[in-house]
């Protein structure tokens, strides 16, 4: 991209919705394998500079059983949010989650940003990013229950309650792709990769000003 076009793209980040790039919001119930599908794509596109796999900030310690994320104590997170450190922040299951503000500049400069988010913030994302692709990762109830039980983080009652909450939430609006991850991760991973390829093709041009939900 030419320097002048890059500057114009950066300036466009000052106004909402942010254009030119694409924000890919990955949502779905706990146990659906969102991190697994994202990890598959991260490996597949390891040399693709147009993609940015967003590293979230969470008020939960990082361990080998969860995603690779940055950790902040609750009070530090609140302070960081007040200082404008996050483009988007939300609370779920007693934890705080944040997407760093750097993602706005990436999208404004025509890149494709991928992040695991709560479906509750999709309306906010639609207002913030002109080009939004929502990918819902799902799995059968039996698979979800098995995966959640294997984590060992919650009691059986808590697992059942979490599944019941997920079943009552339906996605609507444009640009939603649903991917069933009940089977081999390669199957779901390749479908997700196709979404990312389309997003890259869409954003592969300097500041066009297009406003489209993919």
C-alpha atoms as a PDB file:
ATOM      1  CA  UNK A   1       0.000   0.000   0.000  1.00  0.00           C
ATOM      2  CA  UNK A   2       1.285   3.491  -0.851  1.00  0.00           C
ATOM      3  CA  UNK A   3       2.243   5.743   2.073  1.00  0.00           C
ATOM      4  CA  UNK A   4      -0.406   8.348   1.232  1.00  0.00           C
ATOM      5  CA  UNK A   5      -3.129   5.708   1.150  1.00  0.00           C
ATOM      6  CA  UNK A   6      -1.897   4.322   4.463  1.00  0.00           C
ATOM      7  CA  UNK A   7      -2.126   7.749   6.090  1.00  0.00           C
ATOM      8  CA  UNK A   8      -5.648   8.245   4.786  1.00  0.00           C
ATOM      9  CA  UNK A   9      -6.659   4.847   6.146  1.00  0.00           C
ATOM     10  CA  UNK A  10      -5.257   5.658   9.576  1.00  0.00           C
ATOM     11  CA  UNK A  11      -7.133   8.932   9.647  1.00  0.00           C
ATOM     12  CA  UNK A  12     -10.363   7.129   8.821  1.00  0.00           C
ATOM     13  CA  UNK A  13     -10.094   5.296  12.157  1.00  0.00           C
ATOM     14  CA  UNK A  14     -11.093   8.546  13.888  1.00  0.00           C
ATOM     15  CA  UNK A  15     -14.655   8.168  12.574  1.00  0.00           C
ATOM     16  CA  UNK A  16     -17.077   5.326  13.008  1.00  0.00           C
ATOM     17  CA  UNK A  17     -17.829   2.971  11.484  1.00  0.00           C
ATOM     18  CA  UNK A  18     -14.235   2.076  10.684  1.00  0.00           C
ATOM     19  CA  UNK A  19     -13.891   1.008   7.066  1.00  0.00           C
ATOM     20  CA  UNK A  20     -11.640  -0.718   4.515  1.00  0.00           C
ATOM     21  CA  UNK A  21     -10.601  -3.769   6.497  1.00  0.00           C
ATOM     22  CA  UNK A  22     -12.798  -6.492   7.970  1.00  0.00           C
ATOM     23  CA  UNK A  23     -13.476  -7.491  11.567  1.00  0.00           C
ATOM     24  CA  UNK A  24     -14.232 -11.211  11.883  1.00  0.00           C
ATOM     25  CA  UNK A  25     -16.146 -11.873  15.101  1.00  0.00           C
ATOM     26  CA  UNK A  26     -15.995 -15.513  16.189  1.00  0.00           C
ATOM     27  CA  UNK A  27     -18.805 -16.450  18.560  1.00  0.00           C
ATOM     28  CA  UNK A  28     -20.386 -19.591  19.940  1.00  0.00           C
ATOM     29  CA  UNK A  29     -21.098 -21.491  23.140  1.00  0.00           C
ATOM     30  CA  UNK A  30     -18.378 -22.668  25.474  1.00  0.00           C
ATOM     31  CA  UNK A  31     -17.125 -26.057  24.337  1.00  0.00           C
ATOM     32  CA  UNK A  32     -17.852 -25.434  20.660  1.00  0.00           C
ATOM     33  CA  UNK A  33     -14.122 -25.231  19.938  1.00  0.00           C
ATOM     34  CA  UNK A  34     -13.733 -21.589  18.903  1.00  0.00           C
ATOM     35  CA  UNK A  35     -10.081 -21.456  19.960  1.00  0.00           C
ATOM     36  CA  UNK A  36      -9.413 -24.741  18.157  1.00  0.00           C
ATOM     37  CA  UNK A  37     -10.871 -23.450  14.885  1.00  0.00           C
ATOM     38  CA  UNK A  38      -9.055 -20.123  15.211  1.00  0.00           C
ATOM     39  CA  UNK A  39      -5.821 -21.981  15.992  1.00  0.00           C
ATOM     40  CA  UNK A  40      -6.221 -24.097  12.866  1.00  0.00           C
ATOM     41  CA  UNK A  41      -6.508 -20.967  10.749  1.00  0.00           C
ATOM     42  CA  UNK A  42      -3.610 -19.286  12.545  1.00  0.00           C
ATOM     43  CA  UNK A  43      -1.335 -22.203  11.594  1.00  0.00           C
ATOM     44  CA  UNK A  44      -2.689 -22.407   8.054  1.00  0.00           C
ATOM     45  CA  UNK A  45      -2.134 -18.687   7.436  1.00  0.00           C
ATOM     46  CA  UNK A  46       1.060 -18.327   9.468  1.00  0.00           C
ATOM     47  CA  UNK A  47       2.752 -16.334   6.691  1.00  0.00           C
ATOM     48  CA  UNK A  48      -0.260 -14.179   5.775  1.00  0.00           C
ATOM     49  CA  UNK A  49       0.428 -10.596   6.920  1.00  0.00           C
ATOM     50  CA  UNK A  50      -3.038  -9.367   5.979  1.00  0.00           C
ATOM     51  CA  UNK A  51      -4.571 -11.347   8.847  1.00  0.00           C
ATOM     52  CA  UNK A  52      -4.364 -10.304  12.487  1.00  0.00           C
ATOM     53  CA  UNK A  53      -5.362 -12.838  15.113  1.00  0.00           C
ATOM     54  CA  UNK A  54      -6.236 -10.586  18.032  1.00  0.00           C
ATOM     55  CA  UNK A  55      -4.745 -11.378  21.433  1.00  0.00           C
ATOM     56  CA  UNK A  56      -7.414 -10.704  24.048  1.00  0.00           C
ATOM     57  CA  UNK A  57      -6.963  -9.305  27.540  1.00  0.00           C
ATOM     58  CA  UNK A  58      -8.834 -11.306  30.206  1.00  0.00           C
ATOM     59  CA  UNK A  59      -9.067 -11.179  33.981  1.00  0.00           C
ATOM     60  CA  UNK A  60      -8.095 -14.860  34.107  1.00  0.00           C
ATOM     61  CA  UNK A  61      -4.642 -16.406  34.423  1.00  0.00           C
ATOM     62  CA  UNK A  62      -3.320 -17.984  31.234  1.00  0.00           C
ATOM     63  CA  UNK A  63      -2.736 -21.727  31.312  1.00  0.00           C
ATOM     64  CA  UNK A  64      -2.216 -24.604  28.906  1.00  0.00           C
ATOM     65  CA  UNK A  65      -5.930 -25.454  28.970  1.00  0.00           C
ATOM     66  CA  UNK A  66      -7.104 -22.059  27.714  1.00  0.00           C
ATOM     67  CA  UNK A  67      -6.266 -19.628  24.953  1.00  0.00           C
ATOM     68  CA  UNK A  68      -3.026 -17.681  24.878  1.00  0.00           C
ATOM     69  CA  UNK A  69      -4.076 -14.280  26.205  1.00  0.00           C
ATOM     70  CA  UNK A  70      -2.843 -11.334  28.224  1.00  0.00           C
ATOM     71  CA  UNK A  71      -3.928 -11.255  31.857  1.00  0.00           C
ATOM     72  CA  UNK A  72      -4.908  -8.294  34.020  1.00  0.00           C
ATOM     73  CA  UNK A  73      -6.244  -8.232  37.559  1.00  0.00           C
ATOM     74  CA  UNK A  74      -9.791  -6.944  37.807  1.00  0.00           C
ATOM     75  CA  UNK A  75      -8.830  -3.517  39.154  1.00  0.00           C
ATOM     76  CA  UNK A  76      -6.085  -3.095  36.552  1.00  0.00           C
ATOM     77  CA  UNK A  77      -8.525  -4.011  33.788  1.00  0.00           C
ATOM     78  CA  UNK A  78     -11.025  -1.399  34.941  1.00  0.00           C
ATOM     79  CA  UNK A  79      -8.265   1.209  35.013  1.00  0.00           C
ATOM     80  CA  UNK A  80      -7.032   0.224  31.548  1.00  0.00           C
ATOM     81  CA  UNK A  81     -10.569   0.409  30.160  1.00  0.00           C
ATOM     82  CA  UNK A  82     -11.027   3.887  31.638  1.00  0.00           C
ATOM     83  CA  UNK A  83      -7.767   4.934  29.946  1.00  0.00           C
ATOM     84  CA  UNK A  84      -9.077   3.823  26.537  1.00  0.00           C
ATOM     85  CA  UNK A  85      -6.935   0.689  26.209  1.00  0.00           C
ATOM     86  CA  UNK A  86      -9.717  -1.352  24.627  1.00  0.00           C
ATOM     87  CA  UNK A  87     -11.669  -0.970  21.410  1.00  0.00           C
ATOM     88  CA  UNK A  88     -14.317  -3.278  22.850  1.00  0.00           C
ATOM     89  CA  UNK A  89     -14.734  -4.667  26.363  1.00  0.00           C
ATOM     90  CA  UNK A  90     -17.372  -6.848  27.968  1.00  0.00           C
ATOM     91  CA  UNK A  91     -18.114  -9.066  30.948  1.00  0.00           C
ATOM     92  CA  UNK A  92     -19.136 -12.732  30.897  1.00  0.00           C
ATOM     93  CA  UNK A  93     -19.117 -15.608  33.381  1.00  0.00           C
ATOM     94  CA  UNK A  94     -17.595 -13.423  36.092  1.00  0.00           C
ATOM     95  CA  UNK A  95     -14.649 -12.332  33.920  1.00  0.00           C
ATOM     96  CA  UNK A  96     -13.756  -9.186  31.990  1.00  0.00           C
ATOM     97  CA  UNK A  97     -12.616  -9.350  28.359  1.00  0.00           C
ATOM     98  CA  UNK A  98     -10.999  -6.675  26.200  1.00  0.00           C
ATOM     99  CA  UNK A  99      -9.931  -6.225  22.585  1.00  0.00           C
ATOM    100  CA  UNK A 100      -6.934  -3.811  22.415  1.00  0.00           C
ATOM    101  CA  UNK A 101      -7.479  -0.516  20.582  1.00  0.00           C
ATOM    102  CA  UNK A 102      -4.722  -1.393  18.082  1.00  0.00           C
ATOM    103  CA  UNK A 103      -7.312  -3.468  16.228  1.00  0.00           C
ATOM    104  CA  UNK A 104      -9.037  -0.272  15.042  1.00  0.00           C
ATOM    105  CA  UNK A 105      -5.909   0.870  13.223  1.00  0.00           C
ATOM    106  CA  UNK A 106      -5.437  -2.569  11.681  1.00  0.00           C
ATOM    107  CA  UNK A 107      -8.964  -2.591  10.272  1.00  0.00           C
ATOM    108  CA  UNK A 108      -8.648   1.025   9.093  1.00  0.00           C
ATOM    109  CA  UNK A 109      -5.514   0.010   7.196  1.00  0.00           C
ATOM    110  CA  UNK A 110      -7.301  -2.741   5.301  1.00  0.00           C
ATOM    111  CA  UNK A 111      -6.351  -5.760   7.381  1.00  0.00           C
ATOM    112  CA  UNK A 112      -8.606  -8.583   8.546  1.00  0.00           C
ATOM    113  CA  UNK A 113      -8.818  -8.815  12.341  1.00  0.00           C
ATOM    114  CA  UNK A 114     -10.072 -12.047  13.903  1.00  0.00           C
ATOM    115  CA  UNK A 115     -11.255 -12.198  17.500  1.00  0.00           C
ATOM    116  CA  UNK A 116     -13.206 -14.501  19.785  1.00  0.00           C
ATOM    117  CA  UNK A 117     -15.988 -12.313  21.214  1.00  0.00           C
ATOM    118  CA  UNK A 118     -19.298 -12.513  23.031  1.00  0.00           C
ATOM    119  CA  UNK A 119     -22.345 -12.610  20.792  1.00  0.00           C
ATOM    120  CA  UNK A 120     -23.884  -9.985  23.100  1.00  0.00           C
ATOM    121  CA  UNK A 121     -21.544  -7.310  21.687  1.00  0.00           C
ATOM    122  CA  UNK A 122     -22.345  -7.927  18.014  1.00  0.00           C
ATOM    123  CA  UNK A 123     -24.631  -4.843  17.843  1.00  0.00           C
ATOM    124  CA  UNK A 124     -21.731  -2.732  19.140  1.00  0.00           C
ATOM    125  CA  UNK A 125     -19.376  -4.274  16.581  1.00  0.00           C
ATOM    126  CA  UNK A 126     -21.832  -3.497  13.772  1.00  0.00           C
ATOM    127  CA  UNK A 127     -21.715   0.154  14.766  1.00  0.00           C
ATOM    128  CA  UNK A 128     -17.929   0.229  15.085  1.00  0.00           C
ATOM    129  CA  UNK A 129     -16.873  -1.665  11.923  1.00  0.00           C
ATOM    130  CA  UNK A 130     -18.429  -1.110   8.495  1.00  0.00           C
ATOM    131  CA  UNK A 131     -17.334  -4.562   7.320  1.00  0.00           C
ATOM    132  CA  UNK A 132     -18.229  -7.201   9.873  1.00  0.00           C
ATOM    133  CA  UNK A 133     -18.260 -10.972   9.377  1.00  0.00           C
ATOM    134  CA  UNK A 134     -19.793 -13.008  12.198  1.00  0.00           C
ATOM    135  CA  UNK A 135     -18.761 -16.664  12.397  1.00  0.00           C
ATOM    136  CA  UNK A 136     -20.758 -18.805  14.793  1.00  0.00           C
ATOM    137  CA  UNK A 137     -18.979 -21.999  15.846  1.00  0.00           C
ATOM    138  CA  UNK A 138     -21.443 -24.625  17.066  1.00  0.00           C
ATOM    139  CA  UNK A 139     -21.494 -28.275  18.110  1.00  0.00           C
ATOM    140  CA  UNK A 140     -24.110 -30.781  19.183  1.00  0.00           C
ATOM    141  CA  UNK A 141     -25.346 -30.551  22.806  1.00  0.00           C
ATOM    142  CA  UNK A 142     -23.726 -33.899  23.581  1.00  0.00           C
ATOM    143  CA  UNK A 143     -20.342 -32.733  22.297  1.00  0.00           C
ATOM    144  CA  UNK A 144     -20.612 -29.432  24.166  1.00  0.00           C
ATOM    145  CA  UNK A 145     -21.404 -31.190  27.444  1.00  0.00           C
ATOM    146  CA  UNK A 146     -18.511 -33.633  26.978  1.00  0.00           C
ATOM    147  CA  UNK A 147     -15.983 -30.889  26.210  1.00  0.00           C
ATOM    148  CA  UNK A 148     -17.091 -28.724  29.123  1.00  0.00           C
ATOM    149  CA  UNK A 149     -16.906 -31.666  31.509  1.00  0.00           C
ATOM    150  CA  UNK A 150     -13.357 -32.441  30.334  1.00  0.00           C
ATOM    151  CA  UNK A 151     -12.230 -28.941  31.290  1.00  0.00           C
ATOM    152  CA  UNK A 152     -13.066 -29.618  34.920  1.00  0.00           C
ATOM    153  CA  UNK A 153     -13.726 -25.946  35.630  1.00  0.00           C
ATOM    154  CA  UNK A 154     -17.411 -26.305  36.501  1.00  0.00           C
ATOM    155  CA  UNK A 155     -19.758 -28.691  38.258  1.00  0.00           C
ATOM    156  CA  UNK A 156     -22.287 -30.731  36.296  1.00  0.00           C
ATOM    157  CA  UNK A 157     -25.031 -28.299  37.324  1.00  0.00           C
ATOM    158  CA  UNK A 158     -23.009 -25.326  36.125  1.00  0.00           C
ATOM    159  CA  UNK A 159     -22.321 -27.055  32.805  1.00  0.00           C
ATOM    160  CA  UNK A 160     -26.023 -27.748  32.263  1.00  0.00           C
ATOM    161  CA  UNK A 161     -26.915 -24.159  33.164  1.00  0.00           C
ATOM    162  CA  UNK A 162     -24.330 -22.814  30.705  1.00  0.00           C
ATOM    163  CA  UNK A 163     -25.714 -25.027  27.916  1.00  0.00           C
ATOM    164  CA  UNK A 164     -29.254 -23.891  28.675  1.00  0.00           C
ATOM    165  CA  UNK A 165     -28.226 -20.232  28.391  1.00  0.00           C
ATOM    166  CA  UNK A 166     -26.512 -20.883  25.072  1.00  0.00           C
ATOM    167  CA  UNK A 167     -29.556 -22.648  23.653  1.00  0.00           C
ATOM    168  CA  UNK A 168     -31.706 -19.581  24.306  1.00  0.00           C
ATOM    169  CA  UNK A 169     -29.521 -17.165  22.337  1.00  0.00           C
ATOM    170  CA  UNK A 170     -30.095 -16.872  18.592  1.00  0.00           C
ATOM    171  CA  UNK A 171     -28.004 -14.906  16.130  1.00  0.00           C
ATOM    172  CA  UNK A 172     -29.606 -12.670  13.543  1.00  0.00           C
ATOM    173  CA  UNK A 173     -28.608  -9.991  11.070  1.00  0.00           C
ATOM    174  CA  UNK A 174     -26.404  -9.905   7.973  1.00  0.00           C
ATOM    175  CA  UNK A 175     -23.029 -11.515   7.506  1.00  0.00           C
ATOM    176  CA  UNK A 176     -23.505 -14.540   9.784  1.00  0.00           C
ATOM    177  CA  UNK A 177     -21.847 -17.874   8.907  1.00  0.00           C
ATOM    178  CA  UNK A 178     -22.559 -20.938  11.038  1.00  0.00           C
ATOM    179  CA  UNK A 179     -19.938 -23.711  11.256  1.00  0.00           C
ATOM    180  CA  UNK A 180     -20.616 -27.040  12.972  1.00  0.00           C
ATOM    181  CA  UNK A 181     -17.500 -28.205  14.828  1.00  0.00           C
ATOM    182  CA  UNK A 182     -18.894 -31.505  16.098  1.00  0.00           C
ATOM    183  CA  UNK A 183     -16.556 -33.517  13.862  1.00  0.00           C
ATOM    184  CA  UNK A 184     -12.881 -33.342  12.866  1.00  0.00           C
ATOM    185  CA  UNK A 185     -11.350 -29.929  13.444  1.00  0.00           C
ATOM    186  CA  UNK A 186     -10.020 -29.910   9.871  1.00  0.00           C
ATOM    187  CA  UNK A 187     -13.568 -29.808   8.495  1.00  0.00           C
ATOM    188  CA  UNK A 188     -14.590 -26.791  10.559  1.00  0.00           C
ATOM    189  CA  UNK A 189     -11.130 -25.252  10.149  1.00  0.00           C
ATOM    190  CA  UNK A 190     -11.320 -25.317   6.361  1.00  0.00           C
ATOM    191  CA  UNK A 191     -14.770 -23.718   6.352  1.00  0.00           C
ATOM    192  CA  UNK A 192     -13.435 -20.965   8.605  1.00  0.00           C
ATOM    193  CA  UNK A 193     -10.422 -20.559   6.327  1.00  0.00           C
ATOM    194  CA  UNK A 194     -12.782 -19.963   3.412  1.00  0.00           C
ATOM    195  CA  UNK A 195     -14.440 -17.135   5.338  1.00  0.00           C
ATOM    196  CA  UNK A 196     -11.040 -15.552   5.948  1.00  0.00           C
ATOM    197  CA  UNK A 197     -10.049 -15.866   2.292  1.00  0.00           C
ATOM    198  CA  UNK A 198     -13.220 -14.027   1.270  1.00  0.00           C
ATOM    199  CA  UNK A 199     -12.557 -11.338   3.888  1.00  0.00           C
ATOM    200  CA  UNK A 200      -9.003 -10.847   2.599  1.00  0.00           C
ATOM    201  CA  UNK A 201     -10.226 -10.600  -0.991  1.00  0.00           C
ATOM    202  CA  UNK A 202     -12.810  -8.027   0.042  1.00  0.00           C
ATOM    203  CA  UNK A 203     -10.346  -5.845   1.957  1.00  0.00           C
ATOM    204  CA  UNK A 204      -7.477  -6.128  -0.545  1.00  0.00           C
ATOM    205  CA  UNK A 205      -7.644  -2.536  -1.735  1.00  0.00           C
ATOM    206  CA  UNK A 206      -6.793   0.898  -0.322  1.00  0.00           C
ATOM    207  CA  UNK A 207      -9.495   2.941   1.388  1.00  0.00           C
ATOM    208  CA  UNK A 208     -12.438   2.292  -0.904  1.00  0.00           C
ATOM    209  CA  UNK A 209     -15.008   3.569   1.561  1.00  0.00           C
ATOM    210  CA  UNK A 210     -17.248   0.582   0.960  1.00  0.00           C
ATOM    211  CA  UNK A 211     -19.752  -0.223   3.690  1.00  0.00           C
ATOM    212  CA  UNK A 212     -20.772  -3.830   3.562  1.00  0.00           C
ATOM    213  CA  UNK A 213     -21.605  -6.627   6.005  1.00  0.00           C
ATOM    214  CA  UNK A 214     -19.913  -9.741   4.653  1.00  0.00           C
END
